[in-house]
Amino acid sequence: MSIPIPGEPGNVLPGPGRGPVPSEARAYSGPAHGMQWTVTGPEPSAWVELPWGTSSVLYRLVRRPHSERPARDHLGYYLYVPLTGEWKDPDGDSHAQVIPLSSAQSRRAR
């Protein structure tokens, strides 16, 4: 029997043998592709700054178009993509969460 994924509609269930990963996030595309980290707090950050070599790269949380809830990939990870173009903060109160190198894993999810 499948268990519903927290934060998703009740009719969305994970596939057979796949459980949700409610407190993990993953970077897709860009220089930090495949990097994973633990989400702290009840909601994932809108922006994260991921370490990359001697610098860092800014990624944004993907949201579902109609519900505006955080998007998840097929494994249940929160989905982040690289920020392209100019960073515009409509509220003026969003700050990127800096993910330290020790908690960001560079291994790719299977």
PDB file of N, CA and C in Angstrom:
ATOM      1  N   MET A   1       0.841  -1.178   0.000  1.00  0.00           N
ATOM      2  CA  MET A   1       0.000   0.000   0.000  1.00  0.00           C
ATOM      3  C   MET A   1       0.888   1.243   0.000  1.00  0.00           C
ATOM      4  N   SER A   2       0.576   2.187  -0.834  1.00  0.00           N
ATOM      5  CA  SER A   2       1.361   3.421  -0.927  1.00  0.00           C
ATOM      6  C   SER A   2       0.874   4.441   0.080  1.00  0.00           C
ATOM      7  N   ILE A   3       1.796   5.277   0.525  1.00  0.00           N
ATOM      8  CA  ILE A   3       1.486   6.342   1.473  1.00  0.00           C
ATOM      9  C   ILE A   3       1.525   7.663   0.718  1.00  0.00           C
ATOM     10  N   PRO A   4       0.526   8.532   0.890  1.00  0.00           N
ATOM     11  CA  PRO A   4       0.539   9.821   0.181  1.00  0.00           C
ATOM     12  C   PRO A   4       1.779  10.644   0.519  1.00  0.00           C
ATOM     13  N   ILE A   5       2.229  11.430  -0.439  1.00  0.00           N
ATOM     14  CA  ILE A   5       3.379  12.313  -0.249  1.00  0.00           C
ATOM     15  C   ILE A   5       2.903  13.565   0.474  1.00  0.00           C
ATOM     16  N   PRO A   6       3.560  13.942   1.597  1.00  0.00           N
ATOM     17  CA  PRO A   6       3.165  15.173   2.302  1.00  0.00           C
ATOM     18  C   PRO A   6       3.274  16.383   1.390  1.00  0.00           C
ATOM     19  N   GLY A   7       2.275  17.256   1.456  1.00  0.00           N
ATOM     20  CA  GLY A   7       2.288  18.470   0.658  1.00  0.00           C
ATOM     21  C   GLY A   7       1.729  18.301  -0.740  1.00  0.00           C
ATOM     22  N   GLU A   8       1.354  17.092  -1.097  1.00  0.00           N
ATOM     23  CA  GLU A   8       0.772  16.830  -2.403  1.00  0.00           C
ATOM     24  C   GLU A   8      -0.704  16.503  -2.232  1.00  0.00           C
ATOM     25  N   PRO A   9      -1.505  16.641  -3.289  1.00  0.00           N
ATOM     26  CA  PRO A   9      -2.916  16.264  -3.186  1.00  0.00           C
ATOM     27  C   PRO A   9      -3.049  14.806  -2.775  1.00  0.00           C
ATOM     28  N   GLY A  10      -4.133  14.460  -2.121  1.00  0.00           N
ATOM     29  CA  GLY A  10      -4.332  13.113  -1.599  1.00  0.00           C
ATOM     30  C   GLY A  10      -4.337  12.033  -2.661  1.00  0.00           C
ATOM     31  N   ASN A  11      -4.625  12.382  -3.916  1.00  0.00           N
ATOM     32  CA  ASN A  11      -4.665  11.367  -4.954  1.00  0.00           C
ATOM     33  C   ASN A  11      -3.310  11.150  -5.633  1.00  0.00           C
ATOM     34  N   VAL A  12      -2.239  11.819  -5.175  1.00  0.00           N
ATOM     35  CA  VAL A  12      -0.908  11.628  -5.728  1.00  0.00           C
ATOM     36  C   VAL A  12      -0.146  10.682  -4.813  1.00  0.00           C
ATOM     37  N   LEU A  13       0.229   9.538  -5.347  1.00  0.00           N
ATOM     38  CA  LEU A  13       0.932   8.529  -4.566  1.00  0.00           C
ATOM     39  C   LEU A  13       2.276   8.234  -5.212  1.00  0.00           C
ATOM     40  N   PRO A  14       3.291   7.912  -4.398  1.00  0.00           N
ATOM     41  CA  PRO A  14       4.573   7.534  -4.985  1.00  0.00           C
ATOM     42  C   PRO A  14       4.427   6.189  -5.689  1.00  0.00           C
ATOM     43  N   GLY A  15       5.287   5.919  -6.651  1.00  0.00           N
ATOM     44  CA  GLY A  15       5.249   4.654  -7.369  1.00  0.00           C
ATOM     45  C   GLY A  15       5.624   3.495  -6.473  1.00  0.00           C
ATOM     46  N   PRO A  16       5.431   2.272  -6.941  1.00  0.00           N
ATOM     47  CA  PRO A  16       5.730   1.097  -6.125  1.00  0.00           C
ATOM     48  C   PRO A  16       7.195   1.065  -5.712  1.00  0.00           C
ATOM     49  N   GLY A  17       7.443   0.812  -4.455  1.00  0.00           N
ATOM     50  CA  GLY A  17       8.804   0.711  -3.951  1.00  0.00           C
ATOM     51  C   GLY A  17       9.493   2.040  -3.744  1.00  0.00           C
ATOM     52  N   ARG A  18       8.834   3.125  -3.991  1.00  0.00           N
ATOM     53  CA  ARG A  18       9.439   4.451  -3.827  1.00  0.00           C
ATOM     54  C   ARG A  18       8.689   5.213  -2.759  1.00  0.00           C
ATOM     55  N   GLY A  19       9.384   5.562  -1.715  1.00  0.00           N
ATOM     56  CA  GLY A  19       8.780   6.373  -0.670  1.00  0.00           C
ATOM     57  C   GLY A  19       9.201   7.811  -0.835  1.00  0.00           C
ATOM     58  N   PRO A  20       8.474   8.743  -0.275  1.00  0.00           N
ATOM     59  CA  PRO A  20       8.861  10.151  -0.383  1.00  0.00           C
ATOM     60  C   PRO A  20      10.131  10.446   0.405  1.00  0.00           C
ATOM     61  N   VAL A  21      10.846  11.449  -0.028  1.00  0.00           N
ATOM     62  CA  VAL A  21      12.034  11.933   0.664  1.00  0.00           C
ATOM     63  C   VAL A  21      11.708  13.361   1.079  1.00  0.00           C
ATOM     64  N   PRO A  22      10.900  13.541   2.140  1.00  0.00           N
ATOM     65  CA  PRO A  22      10.319  14.849   2.432  1.00  0.00           C
ATOM     66  C   PRO A  22      11.310  15.935   2.835  1.00  0.00           C
ATOM     67  N   SER A  23      12.477  15.578   3.320  1.00  0.00           N
ATOM     68  CA  SER A  23      13.367  16.633   3.805  1.00  0.00           C
ATOM     69  C   SER A  23      14.650  16.749   2.982  1.00  0.00           C
ATOM     70  N   GLU A  24      14.604  16.340   1.736  1.00  0.00           N
ATOM     71  CA  GLU A  24      15.781  16.416   0.878  1.00  0.00           C
ATOM     72  C   GLU A  24      15.478  17.260  -0.353  1.00  0.00           C
ATOM     73  N   ALA A  25      16.516  17.914  -0.881  1.00  0.00           N
ATOM     74  CA  ALA A  25      16.388  18.723  -2.091  1.00  0.00           C
ATOM     75  C   ALA A  25      17.519  18.344  -3.040  1.00  0.00           C
ATOM     76  N   ARG A  26      17.337  18.667  -4.315  1.00  0.00           N
ATOM     77  CA  ARG A  26      18.337  18.319  -5.307  1.00  0.00           C
ATOM     78  C   ARG A  26      18.412  19.390  -6.386  1.00  0.00           C
ATOM     79  N   ALA A  27      19.639  19.692  -6.824  1.00  0.00           N
ATOM     80  CA  ALA A  27      19.867  20.656  -7.900  1.00  0.00           C
ATOM     81  C   ALA A  27      19.792  19.943  -9.244  1.00  0.00           C
ATOM     82  N   TYR A  28      19.062  20.541 -10.177  1.00  0.00           N
ATOM     83  CA  TYR A  28      18.945  20.010 -11.524  1.00  0.00           C
ATOM     84  C   TYR A  28      19.532  20.992 -12.511  1.00  0.00           C
ATOM     85  N   SER A  29      20.347  20.488 -13.410  1.00  0.00           N
ATOM     86  CA  SER A  29      20.971  21.273 -14.468  1.00  0.00           C
ATOM     87  C   SER A  29      22.025  22.212 -13.876  1.00  0.00           C
ATOM     88  N   GLY A  30      22.727  22.887 -14.731  1.00  0.00           N
ATOM     89  CA  GLY A  30      23.729  23.852 -14.277  1.00  0.00           C
ATOM     90  C   GLY A  30      24.958  23.210 -13.664  1.00  0.00           C
ATOM     91  N   PRO A  31      25.839  24.024 -13.113  1.00  0.00           N
ATOM     92  CA  PRO A  31      27.117  23.520 -12.595  1.00  0.00           C
ATOM     93  C   PRO A  31      26.998  22.628 -11.368  1.00  0.00           C
ATOM     94  N   ALA A  32      25.951  22.775 -10.575  1.00  0.00           N
ATOM     95  CA  ALA A  32      25.801  21.967  -9.360  1.00  0.00           C
ATOM     96  C   ALA A  32      24.822  20.813  -9.563  1.00  0.00           C
ATOM     97  N   HIS A  33      24.587  20.424 -10.811  1.00  0.00           N
ATOM     98  CA  HIS A  33      23.630  19.351 -11.110  1.00  0.00           C
ATOM     99  C   HIS A  33      23.924  18.100 -10.283  1.00  0.00           C
ATOM    100  N   GLY A  34      22.889  17.562  -9.659  1.00  0.00           N
ATOM    101  CA  GLY A  34      23.019  16.344  -8.880  1.00  0.00           C
ATOM    102  C   GLY A  34      23.346  16.566  -7.416  1.00  0.00           C
ATOM    103  N   MET A  35      23.677  17.792  -7.023  1.00  0.00           N
ATOM    104  CA  MET A  35      23.999  18.069  -5.628  1.00  0.00           C
ATOM    105  C   MET A  35      22.735  17.938  -4.785  1.00  0.00           C
ATOM    106  N   GLN A  36      22.845  17.284  -3.635  1.00  0.00           N
ATOM    107  CA  GLN A  36      21.707  17.071  -2.744  1.00  0.00           C
ATOM    108  C   GLN A  36      22.014  17.651  -1.372  1.00  0.00           C
ATOM    109  N   TRP A  37      20.960  18.083  -0.659  1.00  0.00           N
ATOM    110  CA  TRP A  37      21.120  18.605   0.682  1.00  0.00           C
ATOM    111  C   TRP A  37      19.825  18.408   1.454  1.00  0.00           C
ATOM    112  N   THR A  38      19.936  18.534   2.764  1.00  0.00           N
ATOM    113  CA  THR A  38      18.786  18.388   3.641  1.00  0.00           C
ATOM    114  C   THR A  38      18.088  19.729   3.803  1.00  0.00           C
ATOM    115  N   VAL A  39      16.770  19.716   3.696  1.00  0.00           N
ATOM    116  CA  VAL A  39      15.966  20.923   3.888  1.00  0.00           C
ATOM    117  C   VAL A  39      15.665  21.038   5.378  1.00  0.00           C
ATOM    118  N   THR A  40      15.993  22.181   5.944  1.00  0.00           N
ATOM    119  CA  THR A  40      15.694  22.416   7.358  1.00  0.00           C
ATOM    120  C   THR A  40      14.494  23.338   7.438  1.00  0.00           C
ATOM    121  N   GLY A  41      13.633  23.094   8.368  1.00  0.00           N
ATOM    122  CA  GLY A  41      12.433  23.919   8.519  1.00  0.00           C
ATOM    123  C   GLY A  41      11.252  23.289   7.801  1.00  0.00           C
ATOM    124  N   PRO A  42      10.081  23.853   8.020  1.00  0.00           N
ATOM    125  CA  PRO A  42       8.861  23.274   7.448  1.00  0.00           C
ATOM    126  C   PRO A  42       8.724  23.488   5.936  1.00  0.00           C
ATOM    127  N   GLU A  43       9.320  24.538   5.404  1.00  0.00           N
ATOM    128  CA  GLU A  43       9.241  24.852   3.973  1.00  0.00           C
ATOM    129  C   GLU A  43      10.648  24.979   3.410  1.00  0.00           C
ATOM    130  N   PRO A  44      10.872  24.523   2.181  1.00  0.00           N
ATOM    131  CA  PRO A  44      12.189  24.726   1.569  1.00  0.00           C
ATOM    132  C   PRO A  44      12.402  26.201   1.229  1.00  0.00           C
ATOM    133  N   SER A  45      13.650  26.637   1.233  1.00  0.00           N
ATOM    134  CA  SER A  45      13.982  28.029   0.902  1.00  0.00           C
ATOM    135  C   SER A  45      13.682  28.313  -0.566  1.00  0.00           C
ATOM    136  N   ALA A  46      13.270  29.542  -0.864  1.00  0.00           N
ATOM    137  CA  ALA A  46      12.983  29.935  -2.239  1.00  0.00           C
ATOM    138  C   ALA A  46      14.271  29.970  -3.072  1.00  0.00           C
ATOM    139  N   TRP A  47      15.401  30.285  -2.445  1.00  0.00           N
ATOM    140  CA  TRP A  47      16.695  30.385  -3.114  1.00  0.00           C
ATOM    141  C   TRP A  47      17.740  29.696  -2.265  1.00  0.00           C
ATOM    142  N   VAL A  48      18.688  29.019  -2.899  1.00  0.00           N
ATOM    143  CA  VAL A  48      19.822  28.451  -2.176  1.00  0.00           C
ATOM    144  C   VAL A  48      21.101  28.822  -2.915  1.00  0.00           C
ATOM    145  N   GLU A  49      22.153  29.026  -2.159  1.00  0.00           N
ATOM    146  CA  GLU A  49      23.465  29.298  -2.718  1.00  0.00           C
ATOM    147  C   GLU A  49      24.311  28.056  -2.489  1.00  0.00           C
ATOM    148  N   LEU A  50      24.657  27.373  -3.574  1.00  0.00           N
ATOM    149  CA  LEU A  50      25.388  26.120  -3.474  1.00  0.00           C
ATOM    150  C   LEU A  50      26.867  26.329  -3.750  1.00  0.00           C
ATOM    151  N   PRO A  51      27.730  25.647  -3.000  1.00  0.00           N
ATOM    152  CA  PRO A  51      29.167  25.780  -3.234  1.00  0.00           C
ATOM    153  C   PRO A  51      29.544  25.154  -4.572  1.00  0.00           C
ATOM    154  N   TRP A  52      30.454  25.810  -5.276  1.00  0.00           N
ATOM    155  CA  TRP A  52      30.945  25.273  -6.538  1.00  0.00           C
ATOM    156  C   TRP A  52      32.376  25.727  -6.735  1.00  0.00           C
ATOM    157  N   GLY A  53      33.324  24.838  -6.497  1.00  0.00           N
ATOM    158  CA  GLY A  53      34.745  25.178  -6.572  1.00  0.00           C
ATOM    159  C   GLY A  53      35.082  26.224  -5.529  1.00  0.00           C
ATOM    160  N   THR A  54      35.717  27.297  -5.951  1.00  0.00           N
ATOM    161  CA  THR A  54      36.063  28.375  -5.023  1.00  0.00           C
ATOM    162  C   THR A  54      34.970  29.430  -4.969  1.00  0.00           C
ATOM    163  N   SER A  55      33.880  29.213  -5.697  1.00  0.00           N
ATOM    164  CA  SER A  55      32.790  30.170  -5.772  1.00  0.00           C
ATOM    165  C   SER A  55      31.489  29.496  -5.327  1.00  0.00           C
ATOM    166  N   SER A  56      30.377  30.062  -5.745  1.00  0.00           N
ATOM    167  CA  SER A  56      29.078  29.468  -5.452  1.00  0.00           C
ATOM    168  C   SER A  56      28.124  29.810  -6.589  1.00  0.00           C
ATOM    169  N   VAL A  57      27.001  29.114  -6.616  1.00  0.00           N
ATOM    170  CA  VAL A  57      26.008  29.333  -7.660  1.00  0.00           C
ATOM    171  C   VAL A  57      24.628  29.400  -7.005  1.00  0.00           C
ATOM    172  N   LEU A  58      23.762  30.261  -7.525  1.00  0.00           N
ATOM    173  CA  LEU A  58      22.442  30.485  -6.961  1.00  0.00           C
ATOM    174  C   LEU A  58      21.406  29.638  -7.699  1.00  0.00           C
ATOM    175  N   TYR A  59      20.595  28.906  -6.934  1.00  0.00           N
ATOM    176  CA  TYR A  59      19.522  28.075  -7.483  1.00  0.00           C
ATOM    177  C   TYR A  59      18.199  28.514  -6.874  1.00  0.00           C
ATOM    178  N   ARG A  60      17.116  28.355  -7.644  1.00  0.00           N
ATOM    179  CA  ARG A  60      15.794  28.722  -7.145  1.00  0.00           C
ATOM    180  C   ARG A  60      14.906  27.493  -7.062  1.00  0.00           C
ATOM    181  N   LEU A  61      13.980  27.522  -6.124  1.00  0.00           N
ATOM    182  CA  LEU A  61      13.011  26.450  -5.943  1.00  0.00           C
ATOM    183  C   LEU A  61      11.981  26.512  -7.065  1.00  0.00           C
ATOM    184  N   VAL A  62      11.672  25.375  -7.655  1.00  0.00           N
ATOM    185  CA  VAL A  62      10.629  25.302  -8.681  1.00  0.00           C
ATOM    186  C   VAL A  62       9.300  25.120  -7.967  1.00  0.00           C
ATOM    187  N   ARG A  63       8.294  25.851  -8.410  1.00  0.00           N
ATOM    188  CA  ARG A  63       6.951  25.732  -7.828  1.00  0.00           C
ATOM    189  C   ARG A  63       5.972  25.239  -8.883  1.00  0.00           C
ATOM    190  N   ARG A  64       4.940  24.523  -8.425  1.00  0.00           N
ATOM    191  CA  ARG A  64       3.893  24.044  -9.330  1.00  0.00           C
ATOM    192  C   ARG A  64       3.123  25.252  -9.857  1.00  0.00           C
ATOM    193  N   PRO A  65       2.797  25.281 -11.143  1.00  0.00           N
ATOM    194  CA  PRO A  65       2.204  26.479 -11.735  1.00  0.00           C
ATOM    195  C   PRO A  65       0.837  26.874 -11.176  1.00  0.00           C
ATOM    196  N   HIS A  66      -0.003  25.941 -10.836  1.00  0.00           N
ATOM    197  CA  HIS A  66      -1.356  26.298 -10.403  1.00  0.00           C
ATOM    198  C   HIS A  66      -1.489  26.435  -8.888  1.00  0.00           C
ATOM    199  N   SER A  67      -0.794  25.575  -8.161  1.00  0.00           N
ATOM    200  CA  SER A  67      -0.933  25.595  -6.701  1.00  0.00           C
ATOM    201  C   SER A  67       0.143  26.424  -6.014  1.00  0.00           C
ATOM    202  N   GLU A  68       1.235  26.731  -6.722  1.00  0.00           N
ATOM    203  CA  GLU A  68       2.377  27.463  -6.161  1.00  0.00           C
ATOM    204  C   GLU A  68       3.071  26.688  -5.035  1.00  0.00           C
ATOM    205  N   ARG A  69       2.785  25.400  -4.903  1.00  0.00           N
ATOM    206  CA  ARG A  69       3.481  24.581  -3.910  1.00  0.00           C
ATOM    207  C   ARG A  69       4.833  24.151  -4.469  1.00  0.00           C
ATOM    208  N   PRO A  70       5.800  23.851  -3.593  1.00  0.00           N
ATOM    209  CA  PRO A  70       7.109  23.403  -4.083  1.00  0.00           C
ATOM    210  C   PRO A  70       6.983  22.147  -4.937  1.00  0.00           C
ATOM    211  N   ALA A  71       7.682  22.136  -6.064  1.00  0.00           N
ATOM    212  CA  ALA A  71       7.673  20.976  -6.955  1.00  0.00           C
ATOM    213  C   ALA A  71       8.637  19.921  -6.424  1.00  0.00           C
ATOM    214  N   ARG A  72       8.321  18.670  -6.740  1.00  0.00           N
ATOM    215  CA  ARG A  72       9.188  17.551  -6.385  1.00  0.00           C
ATOM    216  C   ARG A  72       9.477  16.730  -7.630  1.00  0.00           C
ATOM    217  N   ASP A  73      10.628  16.073  -7.627  1.00  0.00           N
ATOM    218  CA  ASP A  73      10.953  15.206  -8.756  1.00  0.00           C
ATOM    219  C   ASP A  73      10.327  13.834  -8.551  1.00  0.00           C
ATOM    220  N   HIS A  74      10.630  12.901  -9.436  1.00  0.00           N
ATOM    221  CA  HIS A  74      10.031  11.577  -9.377  1.00  0.00           C
ATOM    222  C   HIS A  74      10.484  10.758  -8.161  1.00  0.00           C
ATOM    223  N   LEU A  75      11.540  11.186  -7.472  1.00  0.00           N
ATOM    224  CA  LEU A  75      12.008  10.497  -6.266  1.00  0.00           C
ATOM    225  C   LEU A  75      11.541  11.191  -4.987  1.00  0.00           C
ATOM    226  N   GLY A  76      10.851  12.313  -5.119  1.00  0.00           N
ATOM    227  CA  GLY A  76      10.346  13.031  -3.954  1.00  0.00           C
ATOM    228  C   GLY A  76      11.221  14.174  -3.479  1.00  0.00           C
ATOM    229  N   TYR A  77      12.343  14.442  -4.153  1.00  0.00           N
ATOM    230  CA  TYR A  77      13.223  15.540  -3.770  1.00  0.00           C
ATOM    231  C   TYR A  77      12.600  16.872  -4.191  1.00  0.00           C
ATOM    232  N   TYR A  78      12.769  17.918  -3.360  1.00  0.00           N
ATOM    233  CA  TYR A  78      12.402  19.261  -3.796  1.00  0.00           C
ATOM    234  C   TYR A  78      13.293  19.608  -4.979  1.00  0.00           C
ATOM    235  N   LEU A  79      12.757  20.323  -5.930  1.00  0.00           N
ATOM    236  CA  LEU A  79      13.424  20.568  -7.195  1.00  0.00           C
ATOM    237  C   LEU A  79      13.955  21.999  -7.275  1.00  0.00           C
ATOM    238  N   TYR A  80      15.259  22.138  -7.493  1.00  0.00           N
ATOM    239  CA  TYR A  80      15.903  23.444  -7.648  1.00  0.00           C
ATOM    240  C   TYR A  80      16.594  23.510  -9.006  1.00  0.00           C
ATOM    241  N   VAL A  81      16.509  24.672  -9.662  1.00  0.00           N
ATOM    242  CA  VAL A  81      17.176  24.892 -10.951  1.00  0.00           C
ATOM    243  C   VAL A  81      18.037  26.143 -10.839  1.00  0.00           C
ATOM    244  N   PRO A  82      19.086  26.237 -11.693  1.00  0.00           N
ATOM    245  CA  PRO A  82      19.960  27.413 -11.598  1.00  0.00           C
ATOM    246  C   PRO A  82      19.215  28.686 -11.961  1.00  0.00           C
ATOM    247  N   LEU A  83      19.570  29.744 -11.285  1.00  0.00           N
ATOM    248  CA  LEU A  83      18.993  31.051 -11.576  1.00  0.00           C
ATOM    249  C   LEU A  83      19.657  31.581 -12.836  1.00  0.00           C
ATOM    250  N   THR A  84      18.842  31.966 -13.796  1.00  0.00           N
ATOM    251  CA  THR A  84      19.383  32.522 -15.035  1.00  0.00           C
ATOM    252  C   THR A  84      18.907  33.961 -15.170  1.00  0.00           C
ATOM    253  N   GLY A  85      19.724  34.783 -15.718  1.00  0.00           N
ATOM    254  CA  GLY A  85      19.373  36.189 -15.876  1.00  0.00           C
ATOM    255  C   GLY A  85      19.504  36.939 -14.564  1.00  0.00           C
ATOM    256  N   GLU A  86      18.797  38.037 -14.466  1.00  0.00           N
ATOM    257  CA  GLU A  86      18.863  38.894 -13.285  1.00  0.00           C
ATOM    258  C   GLU A  86      17.963  38.355 -12.181  1.00  0.00           C
ATOM    259  N   TRP A  87      18.430  38.390 -10.948  1.00  0.00           N
ATOM    260  CA  TRP A  87      17.659  37.922  -9.791  1.00  0.00           C
ATOM    261  C   TRP A  87      16.706  39.016  -9.375  1.00  0.00           C
ATOM    262  N   LYS A  88      15.402  38.758  -9.491  1.00  0.00           N
ATOM    263  CA  LYS A  88      14.386  39.725  -9.088  1.00  0.00           C
ATOM    264  C   LYS A  88      13.612  39.160  -7.920  1.00  0.00           C
ATOM    265  N   ASP A  89      13.616  39.853  -6.818  1.00  0.00           N
ATOM    266  CA  ASP A  89      12.908  39.433  -5.615  1.00  0.00           C
ATOM    267  C   ASP A  89      11.681  40.318  -5.456  1.00  0.00           C
ATOM    268  N   PRO A  90      10.488  39.823  -5.834  1.00  0.00           N
ATOM    269  CA  PRO A  90       9.303  40.677  -5.814  1.00  0.00           C
ATOM    270  C   PRO A  90       8.939  41.203  -4.429  1.00  0.00           C
ATOM    271  N   ASP A  91       9.180  40.432  -3.384  1.00  0.00           N
ATOM    272  CA  ASP A  91       8.836  40.860  -2.031  1.00  0.00           C
ATOM    273  C   ASP A  91       9.948  41.677  -1.386  1.00  0.00           C
ATOM    274  N   GLY A  92      11.156  41.502  -1.859  1.00  0.00           N
ATOM    275  CA  GLY A  92      12.285  42.205  -1.277  1.00  0.00           C
ATOM    276  C   GLY A  92      12.747  41.631   0.049  1.00  0.00           C
ATOM    277  N   ASP A  93      12.185  40.472   0.433  1.00  0.00           N
ATOM    278  CA  ASP A  93      12.558  39.909   1.729  1.00  0.00           C
ATOM    279  C   ASP A  93      13.154  38.512   1.628  1.00  0.00           C
ATOM    280  N   SER A  94      13.346  38.001   0.416  1.00  0.00           N
ATOM    281  CA  SER A  94      13.903  36.663   0.254  1.00  0.00           C
ATOM    282  C   SER A  94      15.418  36.732   0.286  1.00  0.00           C
ATOM    283  N   HIS A  95      15.995  35.877   1.098  1.00  0.00           N
ATOM    284  CA  HIS A  95      17.443  35.757   1.164  1.00  0.00           C
ATOM    285  C   HIS A  95      17.794  34.327   0.826  1.00  0.00           C
ATOM    286  N   ALA A  96      18.859  34.133   0.064  1.00  0.00           N
ATOM    287  CA  ALA A  96      19.278  32.790  -0.301  1.00  0.00           C
ATOM    288  C   ALA A  96      19.803  32.071   0.927  1.00  0.00           C
ATOM    289  N   GLN A  97      19.416  30.818   1.070  1.00  0.00           N
ATOM    290  CA  GLN A  97      19.969  29.987   2.131  1.00  0.00           C
ATOM    291  C   GLN A  97      21.298  29.465   1.619  1.00  0.00           C
ATOM    292  N   VAL A  98      22.361  29.677   2.367  1.00  0.00           N
ATOM    293  CA  VAL A  98      23.681  29.205   1.972  1.00  0.00           C
ATOM    294  C   VAL A  98      23.827  27.766   2.445  1.00  0.00           C
ATOM    295  N   ILE A  99      24.073  26.867   1.510  1.00  0.00           N
ATOM    296  CA  ILE A  99      24.256  25.453   1.834  1.00  0.00           C
ATOM    297  C   ILE A  99      25.751  25.214   1.993  1.00  0.00           C
ATOM    298  N   PRO A 100      26.210  24.873   3.209  1.00  0.00           N
ATOM    299  CA  PRO A 100      27.643  24.634   3.402  1.00  0.00           C
ATOM    300  C   PRO A 100      28.091  23.378   2.660  1.00  0.00           C
ATOM    301  N   LEU A 101      29.343  23.352   2.286  1.00  0.00           N
ATOM    302  CA  LEU A 101      29.892  22.244   1.512  1.00  0.00           C
ATOM    303  C   LEU A 101      29.688  20.910   2.221  1.00  0.00           C
ATOM    304  N   SER A 102      29.731  20.881   3.544  1.00  0.00           N
ATOM    305  CA  SER A 102      29.605  19.621   4.271  1.00  0.00           C
ATOM    306  C   SER A 102      28.217  19.002   4.151  1.00  0.00           C
ATOM    307  N   SER A 103      27.152  19.817   3.979  1.00  0.00           N
ATOM    308  CA  SER A 103      25.811  19.245   3.894  1.00  0.00           C
ATOM    309  C   SER A 103      25.346  19.057   2.462  1.00  0.00           C
ATOM    310  N   ALA A 104      26.023  19.676   1.504  1.00  0.00           N
ATOM    311  CA  ALA A 104      25.668  19.486   0.095  1.00  0.00           C
ATOM    312  C   ALA A 104      26.501  18.335  -0.445  1.00  0.00           C
ATOM    313  N   GLN A 105      25.855  17.351  -0.976  1.00  0.00           N
ATOM    314  CA  GLN A 105      26.549  16.182  -1.495  1.00  0.00           C
ATOM    315  C   GLN A 105      26.619  16.284  -3.004  1.00  0.00           C
ATOM    316  N   SER A 106      27.795  16.029  -3.552  1.00  0.00           N
ATOM    317  CA  SER A 106      27.966  16.151  -4.995  1.00  0.00           C
ATOM    318  C   SER A 106      27.627  14.865  -5.730  1.00  0.00           C
ATOM    319  N   ARG A 107      27.276  13.808  -5.012  1.00  0.00           N
ATOM    320  CA  ARG A 107      26.946  12.564  -5.719  1.00  0.00           C
ATOM    321  C   ARG A 107      25.596  12.724  -6.400  1.00  0.00           C
ATOM    322  N   ARG A 108      25.434  12.017  -7.477  1.00  0.00           N
ATOM    323  CA  ARG A 108      24.186  12.086  -8.222  1.00  0.00           C
ATOM    324  C   ARG A 108      23.214  11.068  -7.675  1.00  0.00           C
ATOM    325  N   ALA A 109      21.924  11.424  -7.644  1.00  0.00           N
ATOM    326  CA  ALA A 109      20.899  10.494  -7.190  1.00  0.00           C
ATOM    327  C   ALA A 109      20.742   9.388  -8.228  1.00  0.00           C
ATOM    328  N   ARG A 110      20.396   8.222  -7.735  1.00  0.00           N
ATOM    329  CA  ARG A 110      20.225   7.088  -8.647  1.00  0.00           C
ATOM    330  C   ARG A 110      18.826   6.996  -9.138  1.00  0.00           C
TER     331      ARG A 110
END
